[in-house]
Every structure is written in structure tokens, then in C-alpha cells.
Amino acid sequence: MSQSPTLTAFIGGAVTLGFLAVGLSFLGFWRRTGDSLFLTFAAAFALLAANQGLVVLLQAPSETLSAVYLLRLAAFVLIIWAVLGKNLPKRG
């Protein structure tokens, strides 16, 4: 069963908008608290939004065939780095 390209683009746009909304929420938390964890999460969600938007615009057929998905990898690495940086004990 194949999906309509219009429906695929619509859902991809909605997901992109969702990532941007979450990123803006984390940016607001960062402005209130000054905690770098929130700023890093905002950057990660901006990368996820860029990834999803480019996938839709470029009509990437598969994760294995497009370098655009490296943005998703970068976002997850940022999230892992932020969480570890927040939870690991500080030296010195």
C-alpha cells in the first residue's frame, strides 16, 4: 500500500512544526533558568526539525540513502552529551 505524497508532506510538516515547538519550549525554559541543559535540548530539537524538514523537501527515500539523517544523529549525540554532562559528577 503506497501513501499519497501530499499526505506524506503534510505529516512531515506537522512533525517539523512539533519539533520546533518543543525546541522553543526548551529555549523558554533556558531563558528562565539559565541551565545549559535546556539550551542543548533546544539545539537538538532544532536539528531534528531541520532533519525532518529536509527529508520532506528533498523527498529522501530511505534513511540509508540520505546523508540528511546525520542531523538526527547529531541531535541524539547532543542530547546524550547534555544528560551525561548534567548527571556525571564534576571533577575538581
N, C-alpha and C. Protein backbone atom coordinates (compact mmCIF):
# COMPACT_ATOMS: atom_id res chain seq x y z
N MET A 1 0.85 -1.17 0.00
CA MET A 1 0.00 0.00 0.00
C MET A 1 0.89 1.24 0.00
N SER A 2 0.69 2.13 -0.94
CA SER A 2 1.51 3.34 -1.01
C SER A 2 0.72 4.53 -0.48
N GLN A 3 1.48 5.47 0.10
CA GLN A 3 0.84 6.65 0.67
C GLN A 3 0.84 7.78 -0.34
N SER A 4 -0.10 8.67 -0.18
CA SER A 4 -0.18 9.85 -1.01
C SER A 4 0.99 10.78 -0.70
N PRO A 5 1.67 11.31 -1.73
CA PRO A 5 2.77 12.24 -1.48
C PRO A 5 2.30 13.50 -0.73
N THR A 6 1.07 13.90 -0.97
CA THR A 6 0.54 15.07 -0.27
C THR A 6 0.38 14.78 1.21
N LEU A 7 -0.13 13.62 1.54
CA LEU A 7 -0.30 13.23 2.94
C LEU A 7 1.06 13.09 3.63
N THR A 8 2.01 12.50 2.94
CA THR A 8 3.35 12.35 3.50
C THR A 8 3.97 13.71 3.79
N ALA A 9 3.84 14.65 2.86
CA ALA A 9 4.38 16.00 3.06
C ALA A 9 3.67 16.71 4.21
N PHE A 10 2.36 16.55 4.30
CA PHE A 10 1.60 17.18 5.36
C PHE A 10 2.04 16.66 6.74
N ILE A 11 2.15 15.35 6.87
CA ILE A 11 2.56 14.76 8.14
C ILE A 11 3.99 15.16 8.47
N GLY A 12 4.87 15.17 7.47
CA GLY A 12 6.25 15.60 7.70
C GLY A 12 6.32 17.05 8.16
N GLY A 13 5.49 17.89 7.60
CA GLY A 13 5.44 19.29 8.04
C GLY A 13 4.92 19.43 9.46
N ALA A 14 3.93 18.62 9.80
CA ALA A 14 3.39 18.65 11.16
C ALA A 14 4.44 18.19 12.17
N VAL A 15 5.20 17.17 11.83
CA VAL A 15 6.26 16.69 12.71
C VAL A 15 7.35 17.76 12.87
N THR A 16 7.69 18.42 11.76
CA THR A 16 8.68 19.51 11.82
C THR A 16 8.20 20.62 12.73
N LEU A 17 6.95 21.00 12.60
CA LEU A 17 6.38 22.04 13.46
C LEU A 17 6.40 21.61 14.93
N GLY A 18 6.11 20.34 15.19
CA GLY A 18 6.16 19.83 16.55
C GLY A 18 7.55 19.92 17.14
N PHE A 19 8.56 19.52 16.36
CA PHE A 19 9.95 19.63 16.84
C PHE A 19 10.31 21.07 17.13
N LEU A 20 9.89 22.00 16.27
CA LEU A 20 10.18 23.41 16.50
C LEU A 20 9.48 23.93 17.76
N ALA A 21 8.25 23.51 17.98
CA ALA A 21 7.51 23.95 19.17
C ALA A 21 8.18 23.46 20.45
N VAL A 22 8.62 22.21 20.44
CA VAL A 22 9.30 21.66 21.62
C VAL A 22 10.63 22.39 21.82
N GLY A 23 11.36 22.64 20.74
CA GLY A 23 12.62 23.38 20.84
C GLY A 23 12.43 24.77 21.41
N LEU A 24 11.37 25.44 20.99
CA LEU A 24 11.09 26.78 21.53
C LEU A 24 10.70 26.71 23.01
N SER A 25 10.02 25.66 23.41
CA SER A 25 9.69 25.48 24.82
C SER A 25 10.96 25.34 25.65
N PHE A 26 11.90 24.52 25.18
CA PHE A 26 13.16 24.37 25.90
C PHE A 26 13.94 25.67 25.91
N LEU A 27 13.85 26.45 24.85
CA LEU A 27 14.52 27.75 24.82
C LEU A 27 13.93 28.68 25.88
N GLY A 28 12.62 28.63 26.05
CA GLY A 28 11.97 29.42 27.10
C GLY A 28 12.40 28.98 28.49
N PHE A 29 12.52 27.66 28.70
CA PHE A 29 13.00 27.16 29.99
C PHE A 29 14.42 27.64 30.25
N TRP A 30 15.26 27.62 29.21
CA TRP A 30 16.64 28.08 29.36
C TRP A 30 16.70 29.56 29.73
N ARG A 31 15.84 30.36 29.11
CA ARG A 31 15.84 31.80 29.43
C ARG A 31 15.44 32.06 30.88
N ARG A 32 14.53 31.24 31.40
CA ARG A 32 14.08 31.41 32.79
C ARG A 32 15.10 30.90 33.80
N THR A 33 15.76 29.78 33.48
CA THR A 33 16.63 29.14 34.46
C THR A 33 18.11 29.37 34.22
N GLY A 34 18.49 29.58 32.98
CA GLY A 34 19.90 29.71 32.64
C GLY A 34 20.63 28.37 32.61
N ASP A 35 19.90 27.27 32.72
CA ASP A 35 20.50 25.93 32.73
C ASP A 35 20.87 25.53 31.30
N SER A 36 22.12 25.20 31.09
CA SER A 36 22.60 24.86 29.74
C SER A 36 21.96 23.58 29.20
N LEU A 37 21.43 22.74 30.06
CA LEU A 37 20.75 21.53 29.60
C LEU A 37 19.59 21.89 28.67
N PHE A 38 18.83 22.90 29.04
CA PHE A 38 17.69 23.32 28.22
C PHE A 38 18.13 23.92 26.89
N LEU A 39 19.23 24.65 26.90
CA LEU A 39 19.74 25.23 25.66
C LEU A 39 20.21 24.13 24.71
N THR A 40 20.86 23.11 25.26
CA THR A 40 21.31 21.99 24.44
C THR A 40 20.13 21.22 23.87
N PHE A 41 19.09 21.02 24.69
CA PHE A 41 17.89 20.35 24.19
C PHE A 41 17.22 21.17 23.09
N ALA A 42 17.19 22.49 23.24
CA ALA A 42 16.61 23.35 22.20
C ALA A 42 17.38 23.20 20.89
N ALA A 43 18.71 23.15 20.97
CA ALA A 43 19.53 22.97 19.77
C ALA A 43 19.28 21.60 19.15
N ALA A 44 19.16 20.57 19.98
CA ALA A 44 18.91 19.22 19.46
C ALA A 44 17.57 19.16 18.74
N PHE A 45 16.55 19.79 19.30
CA PHE A 45 15.25 19.76 18.63
C PHE A 45 15.24 20.62 17.37
N ALA A 46 16.07 21.66 17.32
CA ALA A 46 16.21 22.42 16.07
C ALA A 46 16.84 21.54 14.99
N LEU A 47 17.83 20.73 15.37
CA LEU A 47 18.43 19.80 14.42
C LEU A 47 17.42 18.76 13.95
N LEU A 48 16.60 18.25 14.87
CA LEU A 48 15.57 17.28 14.49
C LEU A 48 14.55 17.91 13.53
N ALA A 49 14.20 19.17 13.78
CA ALA A 49 13.27 19.87 12.88
C ALA A 49 13.89 20.05 11.50
N ALA A 50 15.18 20.45 11.47
CA ALA A 50 15.86 20.61 10.19
C ALA A 50 15.94 19.28 9.44
N ASN A 51 16.23 18.22 10.17
CA ASN A 51 16.28 16.89 9.56
C ASN A 51 14.94 16.54 8.92
N GLN A 52 13.87 16.67 9.68
CA GLN A 52 12.55 16.29 9.17
C GLN A 52 12.13 17.18 8.00
N GLY A 53 12.40 18.46 8.11
CA GLY A 53 12.06 19.37 7.02
C GLY A 53 12.81 19.06 5.74
N LEU A 54 14.09 18.76 5.87
CA LEU A 54 14.88 18.43 4.68
C LEU A 54 14.47 17.10 4.08
N VAL A 55 14.11 16.14 4.91
CA VAL A 55 13.65 14.85 4.40
C VAL A 55 12.41 15.06 3.53
N VAL A 56 11.51 15.91 3.98
CA VAL A 56 10.29 16.16 3.21
C VAL A 56 10.61 16.95 1.94
N LEU A 57 11.42 18.00 2.08
CA LEU A 57 11.72 18.83 0.91
C LEU A 57 12.52 18.09 -0.15
N LEU A 58 13.46 17.26 0.29
CA LEU A 58 14.30 16.53 -0.65
C LEU A 58 13.70 15.19 -1.06
N GLN A 59 12.59 14.83 -0.43
CA GLN A 59 11.91 13.56 -0.68
C GLN A 59 12.89 12.38 -0.57
N ALA A 60 13.60 12.35 0.56
CA ALA A 60 14.58 11.29 0.81
C ALA A 60 13.85 9.96 0.89
N PRO A 61 14.24 9.00 0.07
CA PRO A 61 13.51 7.75 0.01
C PRO A 61 13.73 6.82 1.20
N SER A 62 14.91 6.89 1.80
CA SER A 62 15.23 5.93 2.86
C SER A 62 16.32 6.51 3.75
N GLU A 63 16.33 6.08 4.99
CA GLU A 63 17.37 6.54 5.92
C GLU A 63 18.76 6.13 5.46
N THR A 64 18.86 5.00 4.83
CA THR A 64 20.18 4.51 4.42
C THR A 64 20.70 5.20 3.17
N LEU A 65 19.84 5.91 2.46
CA LEU A 65 20.25 6.54 1.20
C LEU A 65 20.45 8.04 1.30
N SER A 66 20.30 8.62 2.47
CA SER A 66 20.38 10.07 2.57
C SER A 66 21.29 10.49 3.71
N ALA A 67 22.18 11.42 3.42
CA ALA A 67 23.08 11.95 4.45
C ALA A 67 22.35 12.94 5.37
N VAL A 68 21.14 13.32 5.00
CA VAL A 68 20.36 14.24 5.83
C VAL A 68 20.14 13.66 7.23
N TYR A 69 20.08 12.36 7.31
CA TYR A 69 19.81 11.71 8.60
C TYR A 69 20.97 11.85 9.58
N LEU A 70 22.11 12.35 9.12
CA LEU A 70 23.21 12.64 10.04
C LEU A 70 22.84 13.76 11.01
N LEU A 71 21.91 14.62 10.60
CA LEU A 71 21.41 15.66 11.51
C LEU A 71 20.71 15.02 12.71
N ARG A 72 19.97 13.96 12.46
CA ARG A 72 19.30 13.25 13.55
C ARG A 72 20.34 12.64 14.50
N LEU A 73 21.38 12.06 13.94
CA LEU A 73 22.46 11.51 14.77
C LEU A 73 23.09 12.61 15.62
N ALA A 74 23.36 13.76 15.02
CA ALA A 74 23.94 14.87 15.77
C ALA A 74 23.02 15.32 16.90
N ALA A 75 21.72 15.33 16.65
CA ALA A 75 20.77 15.73 17.69
C ALA A 75 20.80 14.76 18.86
N PHE A 76 20.82 13.46 18.57
CA PHE A 76 20.84 12.47 19.65
C PHE A 76 22.16 12.50 20.41
N VAL A 77 23.26 12.75 19.70
CA VAL A 77 24.55 12.89 20.39
C VAL A 77 24.51 14.10 21.32
N LEU A 78 23.93 15.19 20.88
CA LEU A 78 23.79 16.37 21.74
C LEU A 78 22.97 16.07 22.99
N ILE A 79 21.88 15.36 22.83
CA ILE A 79 21.04 15.01 23.98
C ILE A 79 21.80 14.13 24.96
N ILE A 80 22.48 13.12 24.44
CA ILE A 80 23.25 12.23 25.32
C ILE A 80 24.34 13.01 26.03
N TRP A 81 25.04 13.87 25.32
CA TRP A 81 26.11 14.69 25.90
C TRP A 81 25.56 15.59 27.01
N ALA A 82 24.41 16.21 26.77
CA ALA A 82 23.81 17.11 27.76
C ALA A 82 23.40 16.36 29.02
N VAL A 83 22.77 15.20 28.84
CA VAL A 83 22.31 14.43 30.00
C VAL A 83 23.50 13.91 30.80
N LEU A 84 24.51 13.39 30.11
CA LEU A 84 25.70 12.91 30.82
C LEU A 84 26.41 14.06 31.54
N GLY A 85 26.52 15.20 30.86
CA GLY A 85 27.17 16.36 31.48
C GLY A 85 26.44 16.84 32.72
N LYS A 86 25.15 16.69 32.73
CA LYS A 86 24.34 17.13 33.87
C LYS A 86 24.42 16.14 35.03
N ASN A 87 24.56 14.84 34.73
CA ASN A 87 24.45 13.82 35.76
C ASN A 87 25.78 13.24 36.23
N LEU A 88 26.83 13.37 35.46
CA LEU A 88 28.10 12.84 35.92
C LEU A 88 28.70 13.77 36.96
N PRO A 89 29.40 13.22 37.95
CA PRO A 89 29.99 14.08 38.98
C PRO A 89 31.07 14.98 38.39
N LYS A 90 31.13 16.18 38.90
CA LYS A 90 32.13 17.15 38.46
C LYS A 90 33.47 16.83 39.13
N ARG A 91 34.55 16.97 38.38
CA ARG A 91 35.88 16.73 38.93
C ARG A 91 36.47 18.05 39.41
N GLY A 92 37.20 17.97 40.46
CA GLY A 92 37.96 19.13 40.92
C GLY A 92 37.37 19.92 41.97
